[in-house]
Protein backbone atom coordinates (compact mmCIF):
# COMPACT_ATOMS: atom_id res chain seq x y z
CA MET A 1 -67.63 -58.66 -105.98
CA ARG A 2 -68.33 -55.24 -107.36
CA GLN A 3 -65.67 -53.75 -109.50
CA ARG A 4 -64.75 -50.17 -108.79
CA GLY A 5 -64.77 -47.66 -111.60
CA ARG A 6 -61.86 -45.35 -112.27
CA ARG A 7 -61.60 -42.58 -109.76
CA GLY A 8 -61.18 -38.98 -110.80
CA ARG A 9 -57.87 -37.19 -110.52
CA ILE A 10 -57.05 -33.74 -109.23
CA PHE A 11 -55.44 -31.73 -111.99
CA ALA A 12 -55.02 -28.39 -110.20
CA ILE A 13 -55.80 -26.58 -106.99
CA LYS A 14 -56.89 -22.96 -107.21
CA TRP A 15 -56.89 -20.73 -104.15
CA GLY A 16 -59.73 -18.30 -103.84
CA MET A 17 -63.49 -18.28 -103.86
CA ASN A 18 -65.38 -21.13 -105.39
CA PRO A 19 -68.88 -20.03 -106.42
CA ASN A 20 -70.18 -23.55 -105.92
CA SER A 21 -69.18 -23.86 -102.27
CA SER A 22 -68.56 -21.79 -99.18
CA SER A 23 -65.12 -20.25 -98.80
CA LEU A 24 -65.61 -20.09 -95.03
CA GLY A 25 -63.48 -23.21 -94.51
CA VAL A 26 -60.50 -21.63 -96.22
CA ASP A 27 -61.00 -18.33 -94.36
CA VAL A 28 -61.16 -20.05 -90.97
CA THR A 29 -58.11 -22.17 -91.78
CA PHE A 30 -55.99 -19.14 -92.68
CA LEU A 31 -57.31 -17.28 -89.64
CA LEU A 32 -56.24 -20.13 -87.35
CA VAL A 33 -52.83 -20.46 -89.02
CA GLY A 34 -52.27 -16.71 -88.80
CA ALA A 35 -53.34 -16.55 -85.15
CA THR A 36 -51.04 -19.46 -84.30
CA ALA A 37 -48.09 -17.83 -86.05
CA LEU A 38 -48.77 -14.54 -84.29
CA ALA A 39 -49.03 -16.31 -80.92
CA ILE A 40 -45.64 -17.92 -81.50
CA VAL A 41 -43.86 -14.83 -82.83
CA THR A 42 -45.14 -12.29 -80.27
CA PRO A 43 -43.34 -13.72 -77.18
CA VAL A 44 -40.14 -14.16 -79.20
CA ILE A 45 -40.17 -10.50 -80.26
CA GLY A 46 -40.99 -9.43 -76.69
CA ALA A 47 -38.12 -11.49 -75.31
CA LEU A 48 -35.70 -10.02 -77.85
CA LEU A 49 -36.80 -6.47 -77.02
CA ARG A 50 -36.53 -7.09 -73.28
CA TRP A 51 -33.11 -8.72 -73.65
CA ARG A 52 -31.90 -5.80 -75.74
CA SER A 53 -33.18 -3.15 -73.31
CA ASN A 54 -31.71 -4.85 -70.20
CA LYS A 55 -28.10 -4.40 -71.25
CA PRO A 56 -26.09 -2.43 -68.68
CA VAL A 57 -25.58 1.23 -69.45
CA ALA A 58 -22.58 3.22 -68.28
CA ALA A 59 -23.43 5.46 -65.33
CA VAL A 60 -23.45 9.18 -66.09
CA ASP A 61 -22.50 11.65 -63.36
CA ASP A 62 -24.80 14.67 -63.72
CA LYS A 63 -23.66 16.48 -60.54
CA PRO A 64 -22.10 19.93 -61.14
């Protein structure tokens, strides 16, 4: 059998542009995560605003 050599280790991960590869993968990933978060948060905020505005208000008699 063939013996495997030692595999390399990851010492650090740096966010940002890598001049040796395309950063499109990172951009698309963050775009998808951001769009998902926005899609989840938007209906929650809308429901809170609607719930807050539907509270009963005391009737005001404006007749002189």
